[in-house]
């Protein structure tokens, strides 16, 4: 009768490989299947725990009666007084447990492990045939022995990297160990894909921003700057009509370009005015040169007629004419020096020629032959002419034995060569410093400073006037030959 009842129960509960009723000695009294009555299971720990009045879950084993892989479960039979009268023992069929486990849907690369309290695997997905009945390796036993559930990332027994959630036995004597894992590669695949897509989008955005910035910089900075530079270069190339044609509405560079265009208009107008002034000055200088020559010719003619009518010696007339010719040549050299360079030696010779009429000469001239530009030639010629005129009136050239020594050197400096010209008078009348500067000395100072950035130092010595003229020379002022 007991066996028939257990048989009906077994058909309703296929998860059990076997169900048996044990007496208080742990001896099988009846089973759902015939056979095995009288077999003692008292040596099983789970039976002893049930006889002690506790529900017990055993560990993995192979059943003695069924030879199947089972997980034994025992429940005590207690009367109304609370006394244990026997035990109902069931053998959970692990094949059934595995089939139910395999019916579940798992994420790709995921796993699920069920083990007893000793860490012997009862069911597993995937590869149950490889792992069921084996003990969880020592490297992972700390999970079975844990005191509370937890999660961590690790590499599973099958070599797959997973995020694992585990639930250890509560008190190390009952219940089961269960763990479930998700493959990091599979789970993070979408995350990684989203990350790669995000990084690609960021890179593309950065590239787009960079290209936009480059195009904006080229349009807003490089192109306006190039227009400014090209306009300036065109001006350097003598194209006075070059303009940026930029407007203030174009921003800061447009305002700058407009200001440059306005300045160039003013500069072009100033240049044109200067050229008109130079042409006018040139015309006036030519007219002056022409009138001076006509005046000298008139003076020469009048003097010739006057001297002849007075019966003047022909030698005196010839000497007078030579002096007028020398004055004309000096004047011509000065006029020519306005427009071109000249030899310093020639300049000195022509300038002093009208005053160098005595035999022997009252002049001593020494110095290297240099080429001076038009501005220097004009300034030095006018200064020497003024010194000669002053010497004839008041200085050494007014005395019969007077002498004038003109020497010059070109002294090299770190910045540029410097012309050092010395005018020294001797054997003339006594000289003394004037109470105030006359027109001649002021003229010499001003023309040297304005034309060639030079200066003159005058020293009124007992033996005669000494004047030192110093002026920086441009690269064209180099020795000849």
Protein backbone atom coordinates (compact mmCIF):
# COMPACT_ATOMS: atom_id res chain seq x y z
CA UNK A 1 0.00 0.00 0.00
CA UNK A 2 2.86 2.44 0.89
CA UNK A 3 4.70 1.56 -2.29
CA UNK A 4 1.62 2.14 -4.44
CA UNK A 5 1.13 5.56 -2.90
CA UNK A 6 4.78 6.54 -3.51
CA UNK A 7 4.51 5.27 -7.07
CA UNK A 8 1.56 7.60 -7.70
CA UNK A 9 3.48 10.47 -6.12
CA UNK A 10 6.52 9.64 -8.26
CA UNK A 11 4.48 9.83 -11.44
CA UNK A 12 3.28 13.29 -10.42
CA UNK A 13 6.82 14.43 -9.52
CA UNK A 14 9.13 13.23 -12.30
CA UNK A 15 11.95 15.37 -10.93
CA UNK A 16 12.65 12.70 -8.35
CA UNK A 17 14.57 9.61 -9.40
CA UNK A 18 13.30 7.88 -6.30
CA UNK A 19 11.23 8.44 -3.15
CA UNK A 20 11.52 6.31 -0.04
CA UNK A 21 10.24 6.22 3.52
CA UNK A 22 12.82 5.42 6.24
CA UNK A 23 12.18 4.42 9.84
CA UNK A 24 13.88 6.03 12.79
CA UNK A 25 16.90 3.77 12.22
CA UNK A 26 17.41 5.00 8.69
CA UNK A 27 16.23 1.73 7.14
CA UNK A 28 14.17 1.84 3.91
CA UNK A 29 10.65 0.63 4.61
CA UNK A 30 9.06 1.35 1.21
CA UNK A 31 9.91 2.94 -2.13
CA UNK A 32 8.08 4.19 -5.17
CA UNK A 33 9.78 1.43 -7.07
CA UNK A 34 9.98 -2.17 -5.93
CA UNK A 35 13.22 -3.30 -4.28
CA UNK A 36 15.57 -1.82 -1.77
CA UNK A 37 13.36 -2.35 1.26
CA UNK A 38 15.42 -3.08 4.36
CA UNK A 39 18.52 -1.19 3.02
CA UNK A 40 20.01 1.09 5.64
CA UNK A 41 20.82 4.72 4.73
CA UNK A 42 21.71 5.69 8.26
CA UNK A 43 25.29 6.46 7.19
CA UNK A 44 24.12 9.31 4.98
CA UNK A 45 24.60 12.73 6.57
CA UNK A 46 21.37 14.10 5.17
CA UNK A 47 19.47 11.12 6.73
CA UNK A 48 21.01 11.76 10.13
CA UNK A 49 20.14 15.45 9.87
CA UNK A 50 16.51 14.60 9.01
CA UNK A 51 16.33 12.12 11.92
CA UNK A 52 17.54 15.00 14.07
CA UNK A 53 14.42 16.91 13.05
CA UNK A 54 15.82 19.20 10.35
CA UNK A 55 15.11 19.44 6.66
CA UNK A 56 18.29 18.36 4.93
CA UNK A 57 19.78 18.79 1.49
CA UNK A 58 22.58 16.40 0.75
CA UNK A 59 25.48 16.56 -1.65
CA UNK A 60 26.11 15.15 -5.07
CA UNK A 61 26.19 11.37 -5.20
CA UNK A 62 25.31 8.36 -7.29
CA UNK A 63 22.24 6.65 -5.89
CA UNK A 64 22.68 3.18 -4.38
CA UNK A 65 19.36 2.03 -5.65
CA UNK A 66 19.04 3.95 -8.95
CA UNK A 67 22.72 4.35 -9.98
CA UNK A 68 21.71 7.84 -11.19
CA UNK A 69 23.38 11.19 -10.44
CA UNK A 70 21.20 12.60 -7.75
CA UNK A 71 20.88 15.24 -5.09
CA UNK A 72 19.27 13.70 -2.01
CA UNK A 73 16.70 15.61 0.02
CA UNK A 74 15.30 14.40 3.36
CA UNK A 75 12.35 15.66 5.38
CA UNK A 76 11.58 14.37 8.91
CA UNK A 77 8.16 12.79 9.68
CA UNK A 78 7.00 14.39 12.94
CA UNK A 79 3.91 13.42 14.99
CA UNK A 80 1.65 15.83 16.85
CA UNK A 81 3.96 15.72 19.83
CA UNK A 82 6.91 16.81 17.70
CA UNK A 83 8.62 13.44 17.82
CA UNK A 84 10.41 12.22 14.70
CA UNK A 85 8.71 9.04 13.52
CA UNK A 86 10.70 8.57 10.31
CA UNK A 87 12.10 10.26 7.24
CA UNK A 88 10.87 10.84 3.68
CA UNK A 89 13.91 10.84 1.38
CA UNK A 90 13.83 11.95 -2.22
CA UNK A 91 16.51 11.75 -4.87
CA UNK A 92 16.39 14.82 -7.13
CA UNK A 93 17.21 13.66 -10.65
CA UNK A 94 20.09 15.86 -11.89
CA UNK A 95 19.32 14.97 -15.49
CA UNK A 96 15.85 16.43 -14.98
CA UNK A 97 17.40 19.49 -13.33
CA UNK A 98 19.80 19.87 -16.26
CA UNK A 99 17.00 19.57 -18.81
CA UNK A 100 14.98 22.24 -17.02
CA UNK A 101 18.08 24.42 -16.93
CA UNK A 102 18.70 23.92 -20.64
CA UNK A 103 15.16 25.01 -21.42
CA UNK A 104 15.90 28.52 -20.20
CA UNK A 105 17.07 31.29 -22.50
CA UNK A 106 20.60 32.53 -21.84
CA UNK A 107 22.38 35.56 -23.18
CA UNK A 108 25.17 34.75 -25.65
CA UNK A 109 28.25 33.77 -23.69
CA UNK A 110 26.29 33.55 -20.42
CA UNK A 111 26.40 30.65 -17.94
CA UNK A 112 24.60 29.25 -14.88
CA UNK A 113 26.09 26.90 -12.31
CA UNK A 114 24.34 24.98 -9.48
CA UNK A 115 26.58 23.19 -6.98
CA UNK A 116 26.23 21.54 -3.61
CA UNK A 117 27.74 22.95 -0.44
CA UNK A 118 31.03 21.16 -1.21
CA UNK A 119 31.25 22.85 -4.57
CA UNK A 120 30.43 19.79 -6.68
CA UNK A 121 28.59 20.93 -9.79
CA UNK A 122 25.02 19.59 -10.01
CA UNK A 123 23.92 21.36 -13.16
CA UNK A 124 25.54 23.80 -15.55
CA UNK A 125 24.98 25.70 -18.72
CA UNK A 126 26.75 25.42 -21.09
CA UNK A 127 28.77 22.16 -21.39
CA UNK A 128 26.98 20.15 -18.65
CA UNK A 129 28.63 16.93 -19.74
CA UNK A 130 32.04 18.51 -19.12
CA UNK A 131 31.35 19.98 -15.70
CA UNK A 132 28.44 18.17 -13.94
CA UNK A 133 29.81 15.91 -11.18
CA UNK A 134 33.13 17.79 -11.03
CA UNK A 135 34.21 19.98 -8.18
CA UNK A 136 34.59 23.71 -8.62
CA UNK A 137 38.40 24.37 -8.79
CA UNK A 138 40.18 25.58 -5.67
CA UNK A 139 40.76 29.00 -7.32
CA UNK A 140 36.99 29.57 -7.18
CA UNK A 141 36.15 27.80 -3.89
CA UNK A 142 36.21 31.14 -2.06
CA UNK A 143 32.91 31.88 -3.79
CA UNK A 144 31.34 28.73 -2.32
CA UNK A 145 32.67 29.62 1.12
CA UNK A 146 31.52 33.22 0.98
CA UNK A 147 29.23 34.43 3.78
CA UNK A 148 26.99 36.55 1.58
CA UNK A 149 26.07 36.94 -2.08
CA UNK A 150 28.14 39.18 -4.32
CA UNK A 151 29.22 40.15 -7.84
CA UNK A 152 32.62 40.34 -9.49
CA UNK A 153 34.35 40.12 -12.85
CA UNK A 154 36.47 37.05 -13.50
CA UNK A 155 37.52 34.48 -16.05
CA UNK A 156 35.34 31.36 -15.72
CA UNK A 157 36.49 27.73 -15.85
CA UNK A 158 35.78 27.62 -19.59
CA UNK A 159 38.09 30.62 -20.20
CA UNK A 160 35.34 33.16 -20.83
CA UNK A 161 35.58 36.56 -19.16
CA UNK A 162 32.33 37.18 -17.31
CA UNK A 163 30.57 39.37 -14.79
CA UNK A 164 29.41 36.86 -12.16
CA UNK A 165 26.65 37.03 -9.55
CA UNK A 166 26.96 34.26 -6.91
CA UNK A 167 24.82 33.01 -4.03
CA UNK A 168 26.70 30.78 -1.57
CA UNK A 169 25.09 28.33 0.97
CA UNK A 170 23.74 30.32 3.88
CA UNK A 171 25.21 28.35 6.78
CA UNK A 172 27.51 25.92 5.01
CA UNK A 173 25.19 22.98 5.91
CA UNK A 174 22.16 23.38 3.74
CA UNK A 175 20.95 24.83 0.50
CA UNK A 176 22.98 25.15 -2.69
CA UNK A 177 25.57 27.33 -4.41
CA UNK A 178 24.22 29.14 -7.47
CA UNK A 179 26.11 31.48 -9.79
CA UNK A 180 25.12 33.22 -13.03
CA UNK A 181 27.48 35.00 -15.38
CA UNK A 182 27.28 37.32 -18.38
CA UNK A 183 30.04 37.45 -21.00
CA UNK A 184 31.76 40.82 -20.89
CA UNK A 185 32.60 40.56 -24.57
CA UNK A 186 29.00 39.91 -25.55
CA UNK A 187 27.43 42.30 -23.07
CA UNK A 188 29.89 45.04 -23.80
CA UNK A 189 29.71 44.47 -27.54
CA UNK A 190 26.88 46.94 -27.92
CA UNK A 191 28.54 49.27 -25.43
CA UNK A 192 31.83 49.01 -27.30
CA UNK A 193 30.04 49.50 -30.59
CA UNK A 194 28.32 52.57 -29.19
CA UNK A 195 31.67 53.75 -27.82
CA UNK A 196 33.38 53.29 -31.18
CA UNK A 197 30.52 55.03 -32.91
CA UNK A 198 30.69 57.82 -30.32
CA UNK A 199 34.44 58.16 -30.73
CA UNK A 200 34.03 58.17 -34.51
CA UNK A 201 31.36 60.84 -34.24
CA UNK A 202 33.57 62.88 -31.90
CA UNK A 203 36.54 62.55 -34.27
CA UNK A 204 34.40 63.45 -37.23
CA UNK A 205 32.98 66.41 -35.33
CA UNK A 206 36.48 67.53 -34.31
CA UNK A 207 37.66 67.18 -37.91
CA UNK A 208 34.65 69.09 -39.15
CA UNK A 209 35.24 71.81 -36.56
CA UNK A 210 38.95 71.91 -37.48
CA UNK A 211 38.15 72.17 -41.18
CA UNK A 212 35.52 74.80 -40.48
CA UNK A 213 37.99 76.70 -38.30
CA UNK A 214 40.68 76.38 -40.99
CA UNK A 215 38.30 77.61 -43.69
CA UNK A 216 37.09 80.39 -41.43
CA UNK A 217 40.67 81.34 -40.53
CA UNK A 218 41.64 81.29 -44.21
CA UNK A 219 38.68 83.40 -45.18
CA UNK A 220 38.72 85.70 -42.14
CA UNK A 221 42.47 85.99 -41.52
CA UNK A 222 44.72 84.54 -44.20
CA UNK A 223 42.96 85.99 -47.22
CA UNK A 224 42.68 89.54 -45.77
CA UNK A 225 46.31 89.40 -44.60
CA UNK A 226 47.38 88.22 -48.08
CA UNK A 227 45.47 91.10 -49.64
CA UNK A 228 47.24 93.53 -47.32
CA UNK A 229 50.66 92.01 -48.05
CA UNK A 230 50.06 91.91 -51.81
CA UNK A 231 49.02 95.55 -51.78
CA UNK A 232 52.13 96.56 -49.83
CA UNK A 233 54.35 94.51 -52.17
CA UNK A 234 52.70 96.16 -55.16
CA UNK A 235 53.47 99.56 -53.66
CA UNK A 236 57.07 98.52 -53.19
CA UNK A 237 57.05 97.60 -56.86
CA UNK A 238 56.07 101.23 -57.69
CA UNK A 239 52.42 100.44 -58.41
CA UNK A 240 50.86 103.49 -56.79
CA UNK A 241 47.38 102.46 -57.92
CA UNK A 242 47.39 99.23 -55.85
CA UNK A 243 44.67 99.15 -53.18
CA UNK A 244 43.22 96.54 -50.85
CA UNK A 245 39.65 97.64 -51.76
CA UNK A 246 38.56 96.38 -48.34
CA UNK A 247 35.52 97.75 -46.52
CA UNK A 248 34.93 98.49 -42.86
CA UNK A 249 32.00 96.04 -42.94
CA UNK A 250 34.48 93.19 -43.40
CA UNK A 251 35.58 93.42 -39.76
CA UNK A 252 38.83 94.51 -38.15
CA UNK A 253 40.92 93.57 -41.18
CA UNK A 254 38.50 95.48 -43.38
CA UNK A 255 38.93 98.56 -41.21
CA UNK A 256 42.70 98.14 -41.37
CA UNK A 257 42.61 97.72 -45.15
CA UNK A 258 40.41 100.80 -45.52
CA UNK A 259 42.81 102.79 -43.35
CA UNK A 260 45.78 101.60 -45.46
CA UNK A 261 43.97 102.56 -48.66
CA UNK A 262 43.27 106.03 -47.25
CA UNK A 263 46.92 106.38 -46.22
CA UNK A 264 48.06 105.26 -49.68
CA UNK A 265 45.80 107.86 -51.28
CA UNK A 266 47.36 110.52 -49.08
CA UNK A 267 50.86 109.20 -49.76
CA UNK A 268 50.28 109.14 -53.52
CA UNK A 269 49.01 112.71 -53.39
CA UNK A 270 52.05 113.72 -51.32
CA UNK A 271 54.41 111.98 -53.77
CA UNK A 272 52.80 113.67 -56.72
CA UNK A 273 53.05 117.03 -54.97
CA UNK A 274 56.70 116.32 -54.11
CA UNK A 275 57.45 115.42 -57.73
CA UNK A 276 55.77 118.64 -58.86
CA UNK A 277 57.82 120.54 -56.27
CA UNK A 278 61.02 118.81 -57.40
CA UNK A 279 60.27 119.60 -61.03
CA UNK A 280 59.59 123.19 -60.08
CA UNK A 281 62.77 123.34 -58.00
CA UNK A 282 64.74 121.80 -60.85
CA UNK A 283 63.30 124.36 -63.22
CA UNK A 284 64.14 127.19 -60.81
CA UNK A 285 67.67 125.85 -60.27
CA UNK A 286 68.16 125.64 -64.01
CA UNK A 287 66.89 129.17 -64.39
CA UNK A 288 69.18 130.30 -61.55
CA UNK A 289 72.16 128.55 -63.11
CA UNK A 290 71.35 130.16 -66.45
CA UNK A 291 71.02 133.63 -64.90
CA UNK A 292 74.23 133.27 -62.85
CA UNK A 293 76.14 132.27 -65.98
CA UNK A 294 74.62 135.18 -67.91
CA UNK A 295 75.48 137.52 -65.02
CA UNK A 296 79.08 136.30 -64.91
CA UNK A 297 79.34 136.62 -68.69
CA UNK A 298 77.93 140.14 -68.45
CA UNK A 299 80.38 141.04 -65.68
CA UNK A 300 83.21 139.60 -67.75
CA UNK A 301 82.18 141.62 -70.82
CA UNK A 302 81.74 144.82 -68.85
CA UNK A 303 85.07 144.31 -67.08
CA UNK A 304 86.85 143.61 -70.38
CA UNK A 305 85.52 146.80 -71.95
CA UNK A 306 86.25 148.82 -68.80
CA UNK A 307 89.79 147.48 -68.44
CA UNK A 308 90.56 148.11 -72.13
CA UNK A 309 89.25 151.62 -72.07
CA UNK A 310 91.33 152.29 -68.95
CA UNK A 311 94.43 150.87 -70.60
CA UNK A 312 94.71 148.01 -68.09
CA UNK A 313 97.45 145.46 -68.64
CA UNK A 314 96.23 142.42 -70.62
CA UNK A 315 97.70 140.09 -67.97
CA UNK A 316 95.45 141.66 -65.33
CA UNK A 317 92.45 141.26 -67.61
CA UNK A 318 93.30 137.58 -68.22
CA UNK A 319 93.73 136.94 -64.47
CA UNK A 320 90.33 138.52 -63.79
CA UNK A 321 88.69 136.40 -66.49
CA UNK A 322 90.24 133.26 -65.07
CA UNK A 323 88.80 134.08 -61.67
CA UNK A 324 85.33 134.56 -63.11
CA UNK A 325 85.64 131.26 -65.01
CA UNK A 326 86.67 129.45 -61.82
CA UNK A 327 83.63 130.89 -60.02
CA UNK A 328 81.42 129.67 -62.87
CA UNK A 329 82.92 126.17 -62.76
CA UNK A 330 82.44 125.95 -58.98
CA UNK A 331 78.86 127.05 -59.35
CA UNK A 332 78.27 124.48 -62.11
CA UNK A 333 79.73 121.71 -59.93
CA UNK A 334 77.44 122.64 -57.07
CA UNK A 335 74.42 122.66 -59.37
CA UNK A 336 75.44 119.27 -60.77
CA UNK A 337 75.93 117.90 -57.25
CA UNK A 338 72.23 118.38 -56.55
CA UNK A 339 71.37 115.53 -58.89
CA UNK A 340 74.35 113.18 -58.91
CA UNK A 341 77.38 111.99 -56.95
CA UNK A 342 80.81 113.58 -57.27
CA UNK A 343 84.43 112.98 -56.44
CA UNK A 344 85.40 114.64 -53.18
CA UNK A 345 88.82 115.59 -54.58
CA UNK A 346 87.19 117.22 -57.63
CA UNK A 347 84.69 118.95 -55.39
CA UNK A 348 87.43 120.46 -53.21
CA UNK A 349 89.53 121.46 -56.22
CA UNK A 350 86.69 123.16 -58.08
CA UNK A 351 85.37 124.86 -54.93
CA UNK A 352 88.73 126.44 -53.96
CA UNK A 353 89.79 127.21 -57.57
CA UNK A 354 88.36 130.78 -57.62
CA UNK A 355 90.33 131.52 -54.46
CA UNK A 356 93.54 129.68 -55.43
CA UNK A 357 95.15 132.41 -57.60
CA UNK A 358 98.45 133.00 -55.83
CA UNK A 359 101.75 131.52 -56.96
CA UNK A 360 102.70 129.40 -55.14
CA UNK A 361 99.26 128.13 -54.00
CA UNK A 362 98.00 129.04 -50.55
CA UNK A 363 96.14 125.68 -50.30
CA UNK A 364 97.38 122.28 -49.14
CA UNK A 365 94.89 119.51 -50.01
CA UNK A 366 95.35 115.91 -48.83
CA UNK A 367 92.97 112.96 -48.52
CA UNK A 368 91.79 109.77 -50.21
CA UNK A 369 89.61 110.17 -53.27
CA UNK A 370 86.05 109.37 -52.27
CA UNK A 371 82.72 109.33 -54.05
CA UNK A 372 80.07 111.33 -52.20
CA UNK A 373 76.40 111.40 -53.11
CA UNK A 374 74.56 114.46 -54.36
CA UNK A 375 73.34 115.56 -50.94
CA UNK A 376 76.84 115.34 -49.43
CA UNK A 377 78.42 117.04 -52.47
CA UNK A 378 76.03 119.98 -52.22
CA UNK A 379 76.44 120.35 -48.44
CA UNK A 380 80.24 120.02 -48.44
CA UNK A 381 80.61 122.29 -51.47
CA UNK A 382 78.55 125.04 -49.89
CA UNK A 383 80.40 124.68 -46.58
CA UNK A 384 83.85 124.87 -48.26
CA UNK A 385 82.76 127.82 -50.39
CA UNK A 386 81.61 129.67 -47.27
CA UNK A 387 84.91 128.92 -45.50
CA UNK A 388 86.88 130.14 -48.54
CA UNK A 389 84.84 133.34 -48.69
CA UNK A 390 85.38 133.94 -44.98
CA UNK A 391 89.13 133.25 -45.32
CA UNK A 392 89.40 135.79 -48.16
CA UNK A 393 87.61 138.43 -46.10
CA UNK A 394 89.05 137.86 -42.63
CA UNK A 395 91.31 134.84 -42.55
CA UNK A 396 94.47 133.34 -43.95
CA UNK A 397 93.64 134.05 -47.63
CA UNK A 398 93.58 137.78 -46.83
CA UNK A 399 97.31 137.70 -45.93
CA UNK A 400 100.18 137.36 -48.38
CA UNK A 401 101.73 134.37 -46.58
CA UNK A 402 98.53 132.83 -45.32
CA UNK A 403 97.95 129.10 -45.77
CA UNK A 404 94.88 126.82 -45.72
CA UNK A 405 95.32 123.07 -45.12
CA UNK A 406 92.35 120.88 -46.14
CA UNK A 407 92.66 117.22 -45.12
CA UNK A 408 90.13 114.41 -44.76
CA UNK A 409 89.97 110.77 -43.77
CA UNK A 410 87.31 108.07 -43.83
CA UNK A 411 87.11 106.45 -40.41
CA UNK A 412 85.38 103.07 -40.04
CA UNK A 413 82.96 102.57 -37.12
CA UNK A 414 80.69 99.73 -36.01
CA UNK A 415 77.66 101.39 -37.64
CA UNK A 416 78.96 103.17 -40.78
CA UNK A 417 82.01 105.01 -42.16
CA UNK A 418 82.46 108.59 -40.94
CA UNK A 419 84.01 111.37 -43.03
CA UNK A 420 86.36 113.57 -40.96
CA UNK A 421 87.36 116.74 -42.88
CA UNK A 422 89.63 119.36 -41.31
CA UNK A 423 90.01 123.02 -42.48
CA UNK A 424 93.02 124.67 -40.79
CA UNK A 425 94.27 128.23 -41.44
CA UNK A 426 97.81 129.43 -40.55
CA UNK A 427 99.96 132.54 -40.93
CA UNK A 428 96.95 134.79 -41.30
CA UNK A 429 95.82 137.76 -39.23
CA UNK A 430 94.99 137.16 -35.59
CA UNK A 431 91.54 135.68 -35.07
CA UNK A 432 89.15 135.75 -32.21
CA UNK A 433 85.82 134.14 -31.55
CA UNK A 434 82.86 136.34 -32.53
CA UNK A 435 80.43 137.47 -29.88
CA UNK A 436 77.63 135.73 -31.75
CA UNK A 437 77.45 133.25 -34.58
CA UNK A 438 77.31 134.84 -38.00
CA UNK A 439 75.30 133.80 -41.00
CA UNK A 440 78.16 131.77 -42.46
CA UNK A 441 78.75 129.57 -39.43
CA UNK A 442 75.01 129.04 -38.91
CA UNK A 443 74.61 128.13 -42.57
CA UNK A 444 77.41 125.57 -42.35
CA UNK A 445 75.93 123.97 -39.22
CA UNK A 446 72.38 123.82 -40.59
CA UNK A 447 73.20 122.51 -44.05
CA UNK A 448 75.45 119.77 -42.63
CA UNK A 449 72.88 118.62 -40.08
CA UNK A 450 69.88 118.77 -42.44
CA UNK A 451 71.51 117.30 -45.55
CA UNK A 452 73.96 114.67 -44.26
CA UNK A 453 73.35 114.47 -40.49
CA UNK A 454 76.79 115.94 -39.89
CA UNK A 455 78.18 118.65 -37.62
CA UNK A 456 80.92 121.28 -37.62
CA UNK A 457 83.24 122.24 -34.77
CA UNK A 458 84.97 125.66 -34.98
CA UNK A 459 88.04 126.51 -32.92
CA UNK A 460 89.48 130.05 -33.07
CA UNK A 461 93.17 129.32 -32.31
CA UNK A 462 95.93 131.91 -32.13
CA UNK A 463 97.51 130.67 -35.36
CA UNK A 464 94.20 130.63 -37.23
CA UNK A 465 90.72 129.17 -37.60
CA UNK A 466 90.32 125.38 -37.32
CA UNK A 467 87.07 123.75 -38.51
CA UNK A 468 86.34 120.02 -38.30
CA UNK A 469 83.48 118.68 -40.39
CA UNK A 470 82.19 115.20 -39.46
CA UNK A 471 79.40 113.35 -41.25
CA UNK A 472 78.32 109.72 -41.67
CA UNK A 473 78.86 108.44 -45.17
CA UNK A 474 76.47 105.98 -46.90
CA UNK A 475 77.85 102.80 -48.48
CA UNK A 476 78.49 104.73 -51.72
CA UNK A 477 81.22 106.74 -49.95
CA UNK A 478 84.09 104.37 -50.66
CA UNK A 479 87.60 104.99 -51.98
CA UNK A 480 87.93 105.23 -55.77
CA UNK A 481 90.27 102.77 -57.46
